[in-house]
Amino acid sequence: MGASAEEQSTYQTHAKGKLVSVRTVWKRRVALLALISIVLVLGQGASWAEEYPTQSINMLIDRPPGAGTDVVARAMAPTVSKILGQEVIPVNKPGAGGAVAVGITATSKGDGYTILAHTTSSLTVIPYLESVSYHPLQDVIPVVHFGTFYCGIIVRADSPYKSVKDLVDYARKNPGKVSFGIVGIGNAPHLDIELVIQQEKLNMPVVPLGGGPPALTALLGGHVTAIGVGASAWMQSYKAGKVRVLATTTEKRVMPNVPTLHESGYPFYNLSTEYYLISAPKGTPAAVVTKLEGTFRKAMEAPQFRTTAESFYVYDPNPLSRQALKQLIETLYRKNGEVMQKTKLNKQG
């Protein structure tokens, strides 16, 4: 009778003077072939990174022309193009708080020829406000952090409120009479204000005003009591003595004489600090991501970039590492989800 399949699989053969089963030999061969394949792929990836790029690169921008993300990202493009030897073409794809641009990036080929300039809110806030076509933590790869956007809580210079406590105390004693203007639902620092309202049990209407400049106009016109917007919208008015900054939403003071919101008695959640970043589609080779990161970091050393970033008050002398940026996004996504659920701002409730 012939040997059974089990018996055949355990026939023994000589390998370096030792008895080794046929099954073991095949396992070793498969492992060796797998190792060779990995080495070949890594070699091809390194070679590809050396040759990359061989054509122009589309840099999608999640905001309209003239917005902070747009202007600051464009300031890097000429230097990046010069270093890489290929043109970096800025392409504005605004809409849905950045979700349109992220969605396009998420479905683009991961070959390094489509990248994205955007802010963290499109990954950490917008997915809770509306249905998006991408997974914020899986479908794009954070490449480099190129700016940090901070907000202030602002009143008119002739306002009787000298602190956040003054504003809150008046709102508590006069329900509905204090209104707070924001850029839009979910935009910085909307979540912080919602937490203050919840903590203090205030009746304080929150009014979306469609952007930083319209919010400032509404404040100066007396249409809202206070606003929460980015520094680029109010800094010139502050320097001109037209507005007062009650607090910033940063972890540490960015203005020596202005306290932070948590110094004013409210926890620091890191919800209103936006981070500007370049991302790439999932599947982009690690070697290409590393090359892009290094190139953009060099571009950030150019005077043109620094001058532009400082003019929008987003220049950060200590940009996060790629790993720290990735971890921050994951943390913000989790924290924002908890806050959205608590304040009932999420799309489910």
Protein backbone atom coordinates (compact mmCIF):
# COMPACT_ATOMS: atom_id res chain seq x y z
CA MET A 1 0.00 0.00 0.00
CA GLY A 2 1.13 3.55 -0.67
CA ALA A 3 1.95 5.85 2.17
CA SER A 4 -0.78 8.14 3.49
CA ALA A 5 -0.68 11.91 2.95
CA GLU A 6 0.31 12.36 6.58
CA GLU A 7 3.09 9.81 6.22
CA GLN A 8 4.30 11.46 3.02
CA SER A 9 4.43 14.84 4.72
CA THR A 10 6.68 13.43 7.42
CA TYR A 11 9.17 11.58 5.22
CA GLN A 12 12.63 12.56 6.25
CA THR A 13 15.54 13.78 4.24
CA HIS A 14 19.16 14.61 5.04
CA ALA A 15 20.09 18.28 5.49
CA LYS A 16 23.59 19.01 6.74
CA GLY A 17 23.78 15.52 8.24
CA LYS A 18 20.58 15.89 10.23
CA LEU A 19 17.24 14.28 9.67
CA VAL A 20 14.73 16.97 8.74
CA SER A 21 11.12 16.49 7.68
CA VAL A 22 10.02 17.44 4.16
CA ARG A 23 7.44 19.75 5.76
CA THR A 24 10.19 21.59 7.64
CA VAL A 25 12.27 21.95 4.48
CA TRP A 26 9.33 23.49 2.64
CA LYS A 27 8.60 25.87 5.50
CA ARG A 28 12.20 27.06 5.40
CA ARG A 29 12.05 27.53 1.64
CA VAL A 30 8.83 29.56 1.89
CA ALA A 31 10.34 31.73 4.63
CA LEU A 32 13.48 32.29 2.55
CA LEU A 33 11.45 33.27 -0.50
CA ALA A 34 9.41 35.69 1.62
CA LEU A 35 12.59 37.26 2.98
CA ILE A 36 14.00 37.65 -0.53
CA SER A 37 10.75 39.29 -1.66
CA ILE A 38 10.88 41.77 1.24
CA VAL A 39 14.48 42.66 0.44
CA LEU A 40 13.61 43.20 -3.22
CA VAL A 41 10.61 45.38 -2.37
CA LEU A 42 12.65 47.47 0.07
CA GLY A 43 15.36 47.84 -2.52
CA GLN A 44 12.85 48.96 -5.12
CA GLY A 45 11.31 51.39 -2.60
CA ALA A 46 14.70 52.94 -1.85
CA SER A 47 15.46 53.18 -5.56
CA TRP A 48 12.07 54.76 -6.22
CA ALA A 49 12.67 57.33 -3.48
CA GLU A 50 16.03 58.22 -5.05
CA GLU A 51 14.38 58.79 -8.43
CA TYR A 52 11.22 60.46 -7.02
CA PRO A 53 9.83 62.75 -8.25
CA THR A 54 9.92 62.34 -12.02
CA GLN A 55 6.88 64.56 -12.67
CA SER A 56 5.01 67.48 -11.14
CA ILE A 57 3.25 67.09 -7.78
CA ASN A 58 -0.29 68.28 -7.09
CA MET A 59 -0.62 69.87 -3.65
CA LEU A 60 -4.31 70.01 -2.80
CA ILE A 61 -5.30 72.77 -0.37
CA ASP A 62 -8.38 72.35 1.80
CA ARG A 63 -9.30 76.06 1.91
CA PRO A 64 -10.13 78.75 -0.67
CA PRO A 65 -7.52 81.16 -2.06
CA GLY A 66 -6.42 83.70 0.52
CA ALA A 67 -7.12 81.53 3.57
CA GLY A 68 -4.27 80.92 6.01
CA THR A 69 -3.67 77.34 4.93
CA ASP A 70 -3.59 78.42 1.30
CA VAL A 71 -1.21 81.35 1.65
CA VAL A 72 1.24 79.62 4.02
CA ALA A 73 1.31 76.37 2.02
CA ARG A 74 1.90 78.30 -1.21
CA ALA A 75 4.84 80.06 0.44
CA MET A 76 6.60 76.68 0.66
CA ALA A 77 5.82 75.49 -2.86
CA PRO A 78 8.60 77.33 -4.79
CA THR A 79 11.33 76.11 -2.42
CA VAL A 80 10.00 72.54 -2.42
CA SER A 81 9.87 72.62 -6.23
CA LYS A 82 13.46 73.82 -6.40
CA ILE A 83 14.74 71.14 -4.03
CA LEU A 84 12.86 68.28 -5.71
CA GLY A 85 13.47 69.48 -9.26
CA GLN A 86 9.79 69.18 -10.13
CA GLU A 87 6.98 71.72 -9.89
CA VAL A 88 4.66 71.57 -6.91
CA ILE A 89 1.27 72.78 -8.16
CA PRO A 90 -1.13 74.21 -5.52
CA VAL A 91 -4.74 73.22 -6.24
CA ASN A 92 -7.53 74.61 -4.04
CA LYS A 93 -10.23 72.09 -3.13
CA PRO A 94 -12.27 73.85 -0.43
CA GLY A 95 -15.51 72.61 1.06
CA ALA A 96 -17.07 70.90 4.08
CA GLY A 97 -14.43 72.15 6.50
CA GLY A 98 -11.66 70.42 4.58
CA ALA A 99 -13.50 67.13 4.07
CA VAL A 100 -13.64 67.58 0.28
CA ALA A 101 -9.86 67.83 -0.07
CA VAL A 102 -9.19 65.01 2.40
CA GLY A 103 -11.69 62.80 0.59
CA ILE A 104 -9.95 63.36 -2.76
CA THR A 105 -6.57 62.66 -1.19
CA ALA A 106 -7.80 59.50 0.51
CA THR A 107 -8.82 57.99 -2.84
CA SER A 108 -5.74 59.17 -4.75
CA LYS A 109 -2.91 56.84 -5.67
CA GLY A 110 -0.25 56.63 -2.99
CA ASP A 111 2.67 57.47 -5.25
CA GLY A 112 3.79 60.84 -3.89
CA TYR A 113 2.29 62.86 -6.73
CA THR A 114 -0.78 63.94 -4.78
CA ILE A 115 -0.28 65.57 -1.38
CA LEU A 116 -2.53 67.67 0.82
CA ALA A 117 -2.13 70.90 2.81
CA HIS A 118 -4.79 71.11 5.51
CA THR A 119 -5.54 71.55 9.20
CA THR A 120 -6.14 68.92 11.83
CA SER A 121 -9.84 69.76 12.20
CA SER A 122 -10.63 67.97 8.93
CA LEU A 123 -9.44 64.78 10.67
CA THR A 124 -10.37 65.43 14.30
CA VAL A 125 -13.61 67.46 14.19
CA ILE A 126 -15.40 67.32 10.83
CA PRO A 127 -15.91 63.50 10.85
CA TYR A 128 -18.07 63.96 13.96
CA LEU A 129 -20.18 66.71 12.41
CA GLU A 130 -21.02 65.07 9.10
CA SER A 131 -20.60 61.88 7.14
CA VAL A 132 -17.24 61.81 5.36
CA SER A 133 -15.87 59.49 2.70
CA TYR A 134 -12.64 58.71 4.52
CA HIS A 135 -11.37 57.26 7.77
CA PRO A 136 -9.47 60.10 9.47
CA LEU A 137 -6.85 57.87 11.07
CA GLN A 138 -6.32 55.34 8.29
CA ASP A 139 -6.74 56.91 4.87
CA VAL A 140 -4.10 59.66 4.96
CA ILE A 141 -0.54 59.78 6.29
CA PRO A 142 0.60 62.88 8.22
CA VAL A 143 3.89 64.02 6.66
CA VAL A 144 4.95 67.28 8.28
CA HIS A 145 3.64 69.95 10.67
CA PHE A 146 4.16 73.44 9.23
CA GLY A 147 2.24 75.82 11.48
CA THR A 148 0.11 76.23 14.58
CA PHE A 149 -3.06 78.32 14.69
CA TYR A 150 -4.33 79.68 18.00
CA CYS A 151 -7.50 81.46 19.01
CA GLY A 152 -8.47 84.23 21.35
CA ILE A 153 -11.68 85.19 23.13
CA ILE A 154 -12.23 88.77 22.04
CA VAL A 155 -14.46 91.68 23.06
CA ARG A 156 -14.54 95.28 21.91
CA ALA A 157 -12.05 97.62 23.56
CA ASP A 158 -14.92 99.61 25.13
CA SER A 159 -16.52 96.47 26.56
CA PRO A 160 -17.03 96.38 30.36
CA TYR A 161 -15.62 92.83 30.45
CA LYS A 162 -11.98 92.64 31.50
CA SER A 163 -11.77 88.86 31.89
CA VAL A 164 -13.52 85.62 30.97
CA LYS A 165 -14.88 85.54 34.53
CA ASP A 166 -16.52 88.94 34.00
CA LEU A 167 -18.15 87.70 30.80
CA VAL A 168 -19.35 84.46 32.39
CA ASP A 169 -20.70 86.19 35.52
CA TYR A 170 -22.73 88.64 33.44
CA ALA A 171 -24.04 85.86 31.18
CA ARG A 172 -25.12 83.86 34.23
CA LYS A 173 -27.02 86.81 35.74
CA ASN A 174 -28.50 87.88 32.40
CA PRO A 175 -29.63 84.73 30.53
CA GLY A 176 -29.66 85.14 26.75
CA LYS A 177 -28.16 88.64 26.74
CA VAL A 178 -24.58 87.63 25.98
CA SER A 179 -23.96 86.23 22.49
CA PHE A 180 -20.77 84.56 21.35
CA GLY A 181 -19.68 84.60 17.71
CA ILE A 182 -17.74 81.76 16.13
CA VAL A 183 -16.37 81.04 12.67
CA GLY A 184 -18.56 77.96 12.19
CA ILE A 185 -19.92 74.88 13.93
CA GLY A 186 -17.04 72.78 15.22
CA ASN A 187 -14.42 75.35 14.29
CA ALA A 188 -11.99 76.62 16.91
CA PRO A 189 -12.81 77.61 19.59
CA HIS A 190 -16.43 76.51 19.39
CA LEU A 191 -15.93 73.36 21.45
CA ASP A 192 -14.15 75.23 24.24
CA ILE A 193 -17.00 77.70 24.53
CA GLU A 194 -19.58 74.92 24.54
CA LEU A 195 -17.74 73.30 27.46
CA VAL A 196 -17.68 76.61 29.34
CA ILE A 197 -21.41 77.05 28.71
CA GLN A 198 -22.08 73.52 29.91
CA GLN A 199 -19.84 73.81 32.97
CA GLU A 200 -21.36 77.15 34.02
CA LYS A 201 -24.90 76.23 32.93
CA LEU A 202 -25.20 79.40 30.87
CA ASN A 203 -27.88 80.57 28.47
CA MET A 204 -25.44 82.16 26.02
CA PRO A 205 -26.34 81.90 22.32
CA VAL A 206 -23.50 80.79 20.05
CA VAL A 207 -23.68 82.37 16.59
CA PRO A 208 -21.83 80.96 13.54
CA LEU A 209 -20.63 83.92 11.47
CA GLY A 210 -18.99 82.29 8.46
CA GLY A 211 -15.35 83.19 8.99
CA GLY A 212 -12.87 85.22 11.01
CA PRO A 213 -13.28 88.59 9.23
CA PRO A 214 -17.13 88.47 9.33
CA ALA A 215 -16.94 87.57 13.03
CA LEU A 216 -14.71 90.56 13.73
CA THR A 217 -17.05 92.82 11.74
CA ALA A 218 -20.02 91.54 13.76
CA LEU A 219 -18.17 92.22 17.01
CA LEU A 220 -17.08 95.74 16.07
CA GLY A 221 -20.61 96.46 14.84
CA GLY A 222 -22.10 95.44 18.18
CA HIS A 223 -24.01 92.47 16.78
CA VAL A 224 -22.40 89.97 19.17
CA THR A 225 -20.89 90.43 22.64
CA ALA A 226 -17.72 88.41 22.14
CA ILE A 227 -16.09 86.21 19.52
CA GLY A 228 -13.67 83.31 19.43
CA VAL A 229 -11.47 83.39 16.31
CA GLY A 230 -7.91 82.92 15.13
CA ALA A 231 -5.24 85.53 15.74
CA SER A 232 -4.93 86.44 12.07
CA ALA A 233 -8.48 87.84 12.18
CA TRP A 234 -8.09 90.10 15.21
CA MET A 235 -4.39 90.86 15.73
CA GLN A 236 -4.35 94.06 13.67
CA SER A 237 -7.46 95.35 15.46
CA TYR A 238 -5.84 94.44 18.78
CA LYS A 239 -2.69 96.40 17.88
CA ALA A 240 -4.89 99.30 16.82
CA GLY A 241 -6.62 99.29 20.21
CA LYS A 242 -10.03 98.33 18.83
CA VAL A 243 -10.45 95.00 20.67
CA ARG A 244 -9.46 93.39 23.97
CA VAL A 245 -8.25 89.81 24.27
CA LEU A 246 -9.75 88.17 27.36
CA ALA A 247 -7.89 84.87 26.95
CA THR A 248 -6.19 82.60 24.45
CA THR A 249 -7.05 78.94 24.04
CA THR A 250 -3.44 77.75 24.08
CA GLU A 251 -1.73 75.57 26.68
CA LYS A 252 0.83 78.28 27.46
CA ARG A 253 0.66 82.03 27.13
CA VAL A 254 1.46 83.37 23.68
CA MET A 255 0.84 86.97 24.76
CA PRO A 256 2.60 87.96 27.99
CA ASN A 257 -0.26 90.04 29.39
CA VAL A 258 -3.11 87.78 28.28
CA PRO A 259 -4.04 84.68 30.32
CA THR A 260 -4.96 81.37 28.79
CA LEU A 261 -8.48 80.01 29.09
CA HIS A 262 -7.36 77.36 31.58
CA GLU A 263 -5.63 80.05 33.66
CA SER A 264 -9.08 81.63 33.76
CA GLY A 265 -10.45 78.56 35.47
CA TYR A 266 -11.27 76.11 32.67
CA PRO A 267 -9.44 72.90 31.79
CA PHE A 268 -7.08 72.82 28.83
CA TYR A 269 -8.44 70.35 26.27
CA ASN A 270 -6.23 71.32 23.29
CA LEU A 271 -9.39 71.56 21.21
CA SER A 272 -8.97 75.00 19.70
CA THR A 273 -5.36 74.79 18.61
CA GLU A 274 -5.29 73.93 14.91
CA TYR A 275 -2.19 72.38 13.41
CA TYR A 276 -1.28 72.96 9.77
CA LEU A 277 0.08 69.87 8.08
CA ILE A 278 1.00 68.19 4.83
CA SER A 279 -0.44 64.71 4.36
CA ALA A 280 -0.23 61.99 1.72
CA PRO A 281 -2.62 59.21 0.65
CA LYS A 282 -2.40 55.86 2.39
CA GLY A 283 -0.05 53.48 0.63
CA THR A 284 2.56 56.14 -0.12
CA PRO A 285 5.95 54.42 0.30
CA ALA A 286 7.70 55.23 3.57
CA ALA A 287 10.84 56.34 1.72
CA VAL A 288 8.82 58.86 -0.30
CA VAL A 289 7.07 60.17 2.83
CA THR A 290 10.46 60.63 4.49
CA LYS A 291 11.79 62.47 1.45
CA LEU A 292 8.77 64.77 1.38
CA GLU A 293 9.09 65.48 5.10
CA GLY A 294 12.75 66.40 4.80
CA THR A 295 12.10 68.60 1.79
CA PHE A 296 9.26 70.53 3.42
CA ARG A 297 11.32 71.01 6.58
CA LYS A 298 14.06 72.61 4.48
CA ALA A 299 11.44 74.82 2.81
CA MET A 300 10.26 75.93 6.25
CA GLU A 301 13.74 77.37 6.86
CA ALA A 302 13.37 79.79 3.95
CA PRO A 303 12.76 83.47 4.88
CA GLN A 304 9.75 83.61 2.56
CA PHE A 305 7.97 80.90 4.52
CA ARG A 306 8.74 82.37 7.94
CA THR A 307 7.64 85.87 6.93
CA THR A 308 4.37 84.54 5.52
CA ALA A 309 3.64 82.25 8.48
CA GLU A 310 4.36 85.05 10.95
CA SER A 311 2.04 87.41 9.09
CA PHE A 312 -0.78 84.92 9.67
CA TYR A 313 0.34 84.29 13.26
CA VAL A 314 0.82 80.56 12.66
CA TYR A 315 4.63 80.35 12.63
CA ASP A 316 5.82 77.64 15.02
CA PRO A 317 9.57 77.56 15.76
CA ASN A 318 9.27 74.02 17.12
CA PRO A 319 7.31 71.93 14.60
CA LEU A 320 6.24 68.51 15.78
CA SER A 321 7.98 65.38 14.57
CA ARG A 322 6.00 63.16 12.23
CA GLN A 323 5.41 60.58 14.98
CA ALA A 324 4.35 63.23 17.50
CA LEU A 325 1.98 64.73 14.92
CA LYS A 326 0.42 61.33 14.27
CA GLN A 327 -0.06 60.74 18.01
CA LEU A 328 -1.53 64.21 18.46
CA ILE A 329 -4.10 63.62 15.72
CA GLU A 330 -5.13 60.32 17.31
CA THR A 331 -5.49 62.02 20.71
CA LEU A 332 -7.46 64.97 19.34
CA TYR A 333 -9.76 62.65 17.42
CA ARG A 334 -10.58 60.77 20.61
CA LYS A 335 -10.93 63.88 22.79
CA ASN A 336 -13.07 65.75 20.29
CA GLY A 337 -15.36 62.74 19.98
CA GLU A 338 -15.91 62.75 23.72
CA VAL A 339 -16.63 66.49 23.76
CA MET A 340 -18.92 66.31 20.74
CA GLN A 341 -20.96 63.60 22.41
CA LYS A 342 -21.10 65.48 25.70
CA THR A 343 -22.23 68.72 24.05
CA LYS A 344 -24.53 66.89 21.62
CA LEU A 345 -22.80 68.43 18.60
CA ASN A 346 -21.93 65.15 16.89
CA LYS A 347 -23.93 64.09 13.84
CA GLN A 348 -25.54 61.26 15.81
CA GLY A 349 -26.91 63.37 18.52
